[in-house]
């Protein structure tokens, strides 16, 4: 069946395990035992872009049919389903306070949802340098103002979540970009590439060249 995702819960003693053909399970690492019952769901393909909310209480997972489910860790069941995507979900990420969910689909669109009400807040048309390629990974800055996307056209791109506009020009790589993440302070973007290299990008420099205010990168932990 194969384990597809492992999510570490707060305090580090327990993890959520998901495999393609089995329900979610919570395991206690110290005791080596399963905690509670398996989570039940009819969709065995929910593991696309599986991510844990900042408070560790909710798991968001996208599906090939375009739906995104929000699971309660405590209850072990779906508490909300986000619909309205016509293409497969490629990647999911949370805002820093857990109030919003960002979703990248296979149709060049980024959708931002209210995680509490299930309301669609905005849609960003996110075309890559090569429009035949798709956004397949996303990451949100700690202050929620910058969204980073990476695509199979060997580029990463920063987006202003307030205006829905691109920030600067695409960040070029030597090969396909496979992963992306902001540093904890939001000052750097780290991308992983199929050329076996990790790239680090200075966000302040990119923001300055785009003529955005310097406090655009600020983040108060």
C-alpha atoms as a PDB file:
ATOM      1  CA  UNK A   1       0.000   0.000   0.000  1.00  0.00           C
ATOM      2  CA  UNK A   2       2.902   2.359   0.695  1.00  0.00           C
ATOM      3  CA  UNK A   3       3.034   5.237   3.168  1.00  0.00           C
ATOM      4  CA  UNK A   4       2.450   8.506   1.349  1.00  0.00           C
ATOM      5  CA  UNK A   5       2.654  11.156   4.091  1.00  0.00           C
ATOM      6  CA  UNK A   6       3.721  11.435   7.720  1.00  0.00           C
ATOM      7  CA  UNK A   7       2.687  14.537   9.668  1.00  0.00           C
ATOM      8  CA  UNK A   8       4.182  15.244  13.083  1.00  0.00           C
ATOM      9  CA  UNK A   9       1.659  16.461  15.637  1.00  0.00           C
ATOM     10  CA  UNK A  10       2.545  19.078  18.303  1.00  0.00           C
ATOM     11  CA  UNK A  11       4.896  17.918  21.079  1.00  0.00           C
ATOM     12  CA  UNK A  12       6.440  15.351  18.729  1.00  0.00           C
ATOM     13  CA  UNK A  13       5.140  12.178  20.385  1.00  0.00           C
ATOM     14  CA  UNK A  14       2.438  11.370  17.843  1.00  0.00           C
ATOM     15  CA  UNK A  15       2.250  11.357  14.043  1.00  0.00           C
ATOM     16  CA  UNK A  16      -0.515  11.126  11.468  1.00  0.00           C
ATOM     17  CA  UNK A  17       0.221   8.488   8.819  1.00  0.00           C
ATOM     18  CA  UNK A  18      -1.511   8.319   5.449  1.00  0.00           C
ATOM     19  CA  UNK A  19      -1.131   5.702   2.707  1.00  0.00           C
ATOM     20  CA  UNK A  20      -2.819   5.591  -0.679  1.00  0.00           C
ATOM     21  CA  UNK A  21      -5.045   2.595   0.078  1.00  0.00           C
ATOM     22  CA  UNK A  22      -5.600   2.900   3.817  1.00  0.00           C
ATOM     23  CA  UNK A  23      -7.324   5.473   6.026  1.00  0.00           C
ATOM     24  CA  UNK A  24      -5.466   7.955   8.184  1.00  0.00           C
ATOM     25  CA  UNK A  25      -3.925   6.570  11.361  1.00  0.00           C
ATOM     26  CA  UNK A  26      -2.422   8.243  14.431  1.00  0.00           C
ATOM     27  CA  UNK A  27       0.581   6.485  15.982  1.00  0.00           C
ATOM     28  CA  UNK A  28       2.309   7.013  19.304  1.00  0.00           C
ATOM     29  CA  UNK A  29       6.055   6.988  18.577  1.00  0.00           C
ATOM     30  CA  UNK A  30       7.169   6.154  22.106  1.00  0.00           C
ATOM     31  CA  UNK A  31       4.803   3.207  22.536  1.00  0.00           C
ATOM     32  CA  UNK A  32       4.829   2.123  18.898  1.00  0.00           C
ATOM     33  CA  UNK A  33       1.056   1.688  18.876  1.00  0.00           C
ATOM     34  CA  UNK A  34      -1.898   3.088  16.962  1.00  0.00           C
ATOM     35  CA  UNK A  35      -4.005   5.647  18.826  1.00  0.00           C
ATOM     36  CA  UNK A  36      -7.764   5.380  18.372  1.00  0.00           C
ATOM     37  CA  UNK A  37      -9.564   4.170  15.269  1.00  0.00           C
ATOM     38  CA  UNK A  38      -8.610   4.703  11.645  1.00  0.00           C
ATOM     39  CA  UNK A  39     -10.174   7.747  10.008  1.00  0.00           C
ATOM     40  CA  UNK A  40     -12.846   6.732   7.548  1.00  0.00           C
ATOM     41  CA  UNK A  41     -13.352   8.290   4.142  1.00  0.00           C
ATOM     42  CA  UNK A  42     -14.553   7.076   0.779  1.00  0.00           C
ATOM     43  CA  UNK A  43     -11.860   8.941  -1.153  1.00  0.00           C
ATOM     44  CA  UNK A  44      -8.580   6.981  -0.989  1.00  0.00           C
ATOM     45  CA  UNK A  45      -6.831   9.599  -3.117  1.00  0.00           C
ATOM     46  CA  UNK A  46      -7.023  12.411  -0.585  1.00  0.00           C
ATOM     47  CA  UNK A  47      -3.276  12.582   0.028  1.00  0.00           C
ATOM     48  CA  UNK A  48      -2.440  15.197  -2.602  1.00  0.00           C
ATOM     49  CA  UNK A  49      -0.743  18.117  -0.861  1.00  0.00           C
ATOM     50  CA  UNK A  50      -1.440  16.802   2.643  1.00  0.00           C
ATOM     51  CA  UNK A  51      -0.588  19.466   5.266  1.00  0.00           C
ATOM     52  CA  UNK A  52      -1.169  20.073   8.983  1.00  0.00           C
ATOM     53  CA  UNK A  53      -2.568  23.373  10.264  1.00  0.00           C
ATOM     54  CA  UNK A  54      -0.245  25.566  12.381  1.00  0.00           C
ATOM     55  CA  UNK A  55      -2.077  24.632  15.596  1.00  0.00           C
ATOM     56  CA  UNK A  56      -1.884  20.923  14.756  1.00  0.00           C
ATOM     57  CA  UNK A  57      -5.653  20.448  14.991  1.00  0.00           C
ATOM     58  CA  UNK A  58      -6.636  20.133  11.322  1.00  0.00           C
ATOM     59  CA  UNK A  59      -5.283  18.225   8.322  1.00  0.00           C
ATOM     60  CA  UNK A  60      -5.989  19.563   4.815  1.00  0.00           C
ATOM     61  CA  UNK A  61      -5.715  17.231   1.861  1.00  0.00           C
ATOM     62  CA  UNK A  62      -6.391  17.753  -1.834  1.00  0.00           C
ATOM     63  CA  UNK A  63      -7.725  15.158  -4.244  1.00  0.00           C
ATOM     64  CA  UNK A  64      -7.479  14.303  -7.905  1.00  0.00           C
ATOM     65  CA  UNK A  65     -11.173  15.132  -8.282  1.00  0.00           C
ATOM     66  CA  UNK A  66     -10.560  18.750  -7.238  1.00  0.00           C
ATOM     67  CA  UNK A  67     -11.959  18.580  -3.711  1.00  0.00           C
ATOM     68  CA  UNK A  68     -10.079  19.547  -0.561  1.00  0.00           C
ATOM     69  CA  UNK A  69     -11.071  18.015   2.763  1.00  0.00           C
ATOM     70  CA  UNK A  70     -10.356  19.422   6.191  1.00  0.00           C
ATOM     71  CA  UNK A  71     -10.000  16.747   8.878  1.00  0.00           C
ATOM     72  CA  UNK A  72     -10.269  17.223  12.624  1.00  0.00           C
ATOM     73  CA  UNK A  73      -7.320  15.476  14.276  1.00  0.00           C
ATOM     74  CA  UNK A  74      -9.246  15.070  17.540  1.00  0.00           C
ATOM     75  CA  UNK A  75     -12.421  13.681  15.959  1.00  0.00           C
ATOM     76  CA  UNK A  76     -10.765  11.778  13.109  1.00  0.00           C
ATOM     77  CA  UNK A  77     -13.349  12.869  10.555  1.00  0.00           C
ATOM     78  CA  UNK A  78     -13.974  15.425   7.811  1.00  0.00           C
ATOM     79  CA  UNK A  79     -15.289  18.711   9.203  1.00  0.00           C
ATOM     80  CA  UNK A  80     -15.389  20.666   5.946  1.00  0.00           C
ATOM     81  CA  UNK A  81     -15.091  19.977   2.213  1.00  0.00           C
ATOM     82  CA  UNK A  82     -13.961  22.710  -0.177  1.00  0.00           C
ATOM     83  CA  UNK A  83     -15.409  22.266  -3.659  1.00  0.00           C
ATOM     84  CA  UNK A  84     -15.458  24.374  -6.798  1.00  0.00           C
ATOM     85  CA  UNK A  85     -12.147  23.252  -8.298  1.00  0.00           C
ATOM     86  CA  UNK A  86     -12.582  21.751 -11.756  1.00  0.00           C
ATOM     87  CA  UNK A  87      -9.052  20.362 -11.925  1.00  0.00           C
ATOM     88  CA  UNK A  88      -6.920  18.118  -9.733  1.00  0.00           C
ATOM     89  CA  UNK A  89      -5.363  19.707  -6.648  1.00  0.00           C
ATOM     90  CA  UNK A  90      -1.564  19.875  -6.903  1.00  0.00           C
ATOM     91  CA  UNK A  91      -0.585  21.538  -3.636  1.00  0.00           C
ATOM     92  CA  UNK A  92      -2.087  22.923  -0.419  1.00  0.00           C
ATOM     93  CA  UNK A  93      -0.733  25.240   2.291  1.00  0.00           C
ATOM     94  CA  UNK A  94      -2.068  27.080   5.364  1.00  0.00           C
ATOM     95  CA  UNK A  95      -1.835  30.720   6.361  1.00  0.00           C
ATOM     96  CA  UNK A  96       0.254  31.385   9.474  1.00  0.00           C
ATOM     97  CA  UNK A  97      -2.796  31.643  11.750  1.00  0.00           C
ATOM     98  CA  UNK A  98      -4.620  28.700  10.217  1.00  0.00           C
ATOM     99  CA  UNK A  99      -7.508  30.866   9.073  1.00  0.00           C
ATOM    100  CA  UNK A 100      -6.988  30.401   5.354  1.00  0.00           C
ATOM    101  CA  UNK A 101      -6.107  27.551   3.014  1.00  0.00           C
ATOM    102  CA  UNK A 102      -4.218  28.159  -0.244  1.00  0.00           C
ATOM    103  CA  UNK A 103      -4.790  25.650  -3.039  1.00  0.00           C
ATOM    104  CA  UNK A 104      -2.981  25.210  -6.361  1.00  0.00           C
ATOM    105  CA  UNK A 105      -4.849  23.300  -9.053  1.00  0.00           C
ATOM    106  CA  UNK A 106      -3.814  21.809 -12.370  1.00  0.00           C
ATOM    107  CA  UNK A 107      -5.560  24.625 -14.210  1.00  0.00           C
ATOM    108  CA  UNK A 108      -3.108  27.484 -13.536  1.00  0.00           C
ATOM    109  CA  UNK A 109      -5.250  28.807 -10.690  1.00  0.00           C
ATOM    110  CA  UNK A 110      -4.521  29.518  -7.036  1.00  0.00           C
ATOM    111  CA  UNK A 111      -7.546  29.695  -4.776  1.00  0.00           C
ATOM    112  CA  UNK A 112      -7.604  31.112  -1.256  1.00  0.00           C
ATOM    113  CA  UNK A 113     -10.334  29.818   1.068  1.00  0.00           C
ATOM    114  CA  UNK A 114     -11.572  30.758   4.520  1.00  0.00           C
ATOM    115  CA  UNK A 115     -10.883  27.597   6.530  1.00  0.00           C
ATOM    116  CA  UNK A 116     -13.589  28.383   9.080  1.00  0.00           C
ATOM    117  CA  UNK A 117     -16.516  29.278   6.827  1.00  0.00           C
ATOM    118  CA  UNK A 118     -15.516  27.414   3.648  1.00  0.00           C
ATOM    119  CA  UNK A 119     -15.907  30.654   1.658  1.00  0.00           C
ATOM    120  CA  UNK A 120     -13.787  31.210  -1.444  1.00  0.00           C
ATOM    121  CA  UNK A 121     -11.959  34.496  -0.814  1.00  0.00           C
ATOM    122  CA  UNK A 122     -10.047  35.007  -4.051  1.00  0.00           C
ATOM    123  CA  UNK A 123      -8.645  33.369  -7.179  1.00  0.00           C
ATOM    124  CA  UNK A 124      -5.235  34.135  -8.653  1.00  0.00           C
ATOM    125  CA  UNK A 125      -4.516  33.285 -12.288  1.00  0.00           C
ATOM    126  CA  UNK A 126      -1.012  31.940 -12.031  1.00  0.00           C
ATOM    127  CA  UNK A 127       0.567  31.340 -15.425  1.00  0.00           C
ATOM    128  CA  UNK A 128       4.072  29.927 -15.606  1.00  0.00           C
ATOM    129  CA  UNK A 129       6.765  31.137 -17.973  1.00  0.00           C
ATOM    130  CA  UNK A 130       5.795  28.198 -20.177  1.00  0.00           C
ATOM    131  CA  UNK A 131       1.993  28.168 -20.104  1.00  0.00           C
ATOM    132  CA  UNK A 132       1.930  24.448 -20.870  1.00  0.00           C
ATOM    133  CA  UNK A 133       3.463  23.764 -17.471  1.00  0.00           C
ATOM    134  CA  UNK A 134       1.622  23.766 -14.169  1.00  0.00           C
ATOM    135  CA  UNK A 135       2.180  25.088 -10.680  1.00  0.00           C
ATOM    136  CA  UNK A 136       2.812  21.998  -8.601  1.00  0.00           C
ATOM    137  CA  UNK A 137       4.120  23.308  -5.240  1.00  0.00           C
ATOM    138  CA  UNK A 138       3.285  26.421  -3.203  1.00  0.00           C
ATOM    139  CA  UNK A 139       4.462  28.050   0.024  1.00  0.00           C
ATOM    140  CA  UNK A 140       3.173  31.089   1.930  1.00  0.00           C
ATOM    141  CA  UNK A 141       5.442  33.556   3.717  1.00  0.00           C
ATOM    142  CA  UNK A 142       5.131  33.853   7.538  1.00  0.00           C
ATOM    143  CA  UNK A 143       3.394  37.241   7.219  1.00  0.00           C
ATOM    144  CA  UNK A 144       0.942  35.825   4.611  1.00  0.00           C
ATOM    145  CA  UNK A 145       1.742  38.587   2.121  1.00  0.00           C
ATOM    146  CA  UNK A 146       3.865  36.616  -0.360  1.00  0.00           C
ATOM    147  CA  UNK A 147       2.969  33.339  -2.023  1.00  0.00           C
ATOM    148  CA  UNK A 148       5.697  31.345  -3.760  1.00  0.00           C
ATOM    149  CA  UNK A 149       4.927  28.921  -6.590  1.00  0.00           C
ATOM    150  CA  UNK A 150       7.170  26.509  -8.471  1.00  0.00           C
ATOM    151  CA  UNK A 151       6.532  24.944 -11.850  1.00  0.00           C
ATOM    152  CA  UNK A 152       7.870  22.320 -14.213  1.00  0.00           C
ATOM    153  CA  UNK A 153       9.164  25.076 -16.493  1.00  0.00           C
ATOM    154  CA  UNK A 154      12.246  25.372 -14.199  1.00  0.00           C
ATOM    155  CA  UNK A 155      11.033  28.537 -12.485  1.00  0.00           C
ATOM    156  CA  UNK A 156       9.721  29.822  -9.170  1.00  0.00           C
ATOM    157  CA  UNK A 157       7.556  32.921  -8.882  1.00  0.00           C
ATOM    158  CA  UNK A 158       6.546  35.204  -6.015  1.00  0.00           C
ATOM    159  CA  UNK A 159       3.000  36.606  -5.819  1.00  0.00           C
ATOM    160  CA  UNK A 160       1.503  39.506  -3.882  1.00  0.00           C
ATOM    161  CA  UNK A 161      -1.516  38.002  -2.066  1.00  0.00           C
ATOM    162  CA  UNK A 162      -3.022  41.464  -1.578  1.00  0.00           C
ATOM    163  CA  UNK A 163      -3.014  42.497  -5.255  1.00  0.00           C
ATOM    164  CA  UNK A 164      -2.861  39.028  -6.921  1.00  0.00           C
ATOM    165  CA  UNK A 165       0.064  40.316  -9.011  1.00  0.00           C
ATOM    166  CA  UNK A 166       3.442  38.703  -9.626  1.00  0.00           C
ATOM    167  CA  UNK A 167       6.386  40.101  -7.659  1.00  0.00           C
ATOM    168  CA  UNK A 168       9.395  40.498  -9.907  1.00  0.00           C
ATOM    169  CA  UNK A 169      10.361  38.138 -12.704  1.00  0.00           C
ATOM    170  CA  UNK A 170      10.491  34.314 -12.586  1.00  0.00           C
ATOM    171  CA  UNK A 171      13.395  32.807 -10.635  1.00  0.00           C
ATOM    172  CA  UNK A 172      15.209  30.530 -13.062  1.00  0.00           C
ATOM    173  CA  UNK A 173      16.751  27.137 -12.270  1.00  0.00           C
ATOM    174  CA  UNK A 174      18.834  24.670 -14.253  1.00  0.00           C
ATOM    175  CA  UNK A 175      16.218  21.918 -14.070  1.00  0.00           C
ATOM    176  CA  UNK A 176      12.678  21.242 -12.841  1.00  0.00           C
ATOM    177  CA  UNK A 177      11.901  22.731  -9.422  1.00  0.00           C
ATOM    178  CA  UNK A 178      10.474  20.121  -7.061  1.00  0.00           C
ATOM    179  CA  UNK A 179      10.006  21.886  -3.702  1.00  0.00           C
ATOM    180  CA  UNK A 180       9.721  25.333  -2.123  1.00  0.00           C
ATOM    181  CA  UNK A 181       9.657  26.799   1.387  1.00  0.00           C
ATOM    182  CA  UNK A 182      10.138  30.123   3.155  1.00  0.00           C
ATOM    183  CA  UNK A 183      12.547  30.494   6.059  1.00  0.00           C
ATOM    184  CA  UNK A 184      10.955  30.923   9.491  1.00  0.00           C
ATOM    185  CA  UNK A 185      11.578  34.695   9.419  1.00  0.00           C
ATOM    186  CA  UNK A 186      10.382  35.065   5.832  1.00  0.00           C
ATOM    187  CA  UNK A 187      13.635  36.626   4.629  1.00  0.00           C
ATOM    188  CA  UNK A 188      14.661  33.767   2.371  1.00  0.00           C
ATOM    189  CA  UNK A 189      13.030  31.405  -0.090  1.00  0.00           C
ATOM    190  CA  UNK A 190      14.533  27.947  -0.490  1.00  0.00           C
ATOM    191  CA  UNK A 191      13.874  25.852  -3.599  1.00  0.00           C
ATOM    192  CA  UNK A 192      14.895  22.302  -4.417  1.00  0.00           C
ATOM    193  CA  UNK A 193      15.780  21.362  -7.977  1.00  0.00           C
ATOM    194  CA  UNK A 194      16.244  18.199 -10.032  1.00  0.00           C
ATOM    195  CA  UNK A 195      19.823  19.292 -10.720  1.00  0.00           C
ATOM    196  CA  UNK A 196      20.620  18.083  -7.149  1.00  0.00           C
ATOM    197  CA  UNK A 197      21.029  21.638  -5.860  1.00  0.00           C
ATOM    198  CA  UNK A 198      19.214  23.708  -3.268  1.00  0.00           C
ATOM    199  CA  UNK A 199      18.774  27.394  -4.113  1.00  0.00           C
ATOM    200  CA  UNK A 200      18.407  30.230  -1.598  1.00  0.00           C
ATOM    201  CA  UNK A 201      16.819  33.517  -2.675  1.00  0.00           C
ATOM    202  CA  UNK A 202      16.870  36.798  -0.752  1.00  0.00           C
ATOM    203  CA  UNK A 203      13.272  38.012  -0.504  1.00  0.00           C
ATOM    204  CA  UNK A 204      14.231  41.559   0.535  1.00  0.00           C
ATOM    205  CA  UNK A 205      16.238  42.016  -2.667  1.00  0.00           C
ATOM    206  CA  UNK A 206      13.399  40.754  -4.862  1.00  0.00           C
ATOM    207  CA  UNK A 207      10.869  42.973  -3.062  1.00  0.00           C
ATOM    208  CA  UNK A 208      13.159  46.017  -3.387  1.00  0.00           C
ATOM    209  CA  UNK A 209      13.676  45.443  -7.115  1.00  0.00           C
ATOM    210  CA  UNK A 210       9.896  45.180  -7.495  1.00  0.00           C
ATOM    211  CA  UNK A 211       9.609  48.604  -5.789  1.00  0.00           C
ATOM    212  CA  UNK A 212       7.507  47.327  -2.925  1.00  0.00           C
ATOM    213  CA  UNK A 213       7.906  48.818   0.582  1.00  0.00           C
ATOM    214  CA  UNK A 214      10.679  47.333   2.707  1.00  0.00           C
ATOM    215  CA  UNK A 215       8.224  46.303   5.447  1.00  0.00           C
ATOM    216  CA  UNK A 216       6.572  43.948   2.951  1.00  0.00           C
ATOM    217  CA  UNK A 217       8.904  41.235   4.245  1.00  0.00           C
ATOM    218  CA  UNK A 218       8.564  42.070   7.967  1.00  0.00           C
ATOM    219  CA  UNK A 219       7.246  39.407  10.287  1.00  0.00           C
ATOM    220  CA  UNK A 220       6.634  39.584  14.026  1.00  0.00           C
ATOM    221  CA  UNK A 221       6.904  36.113  15.538  1.00  0.00           C
END
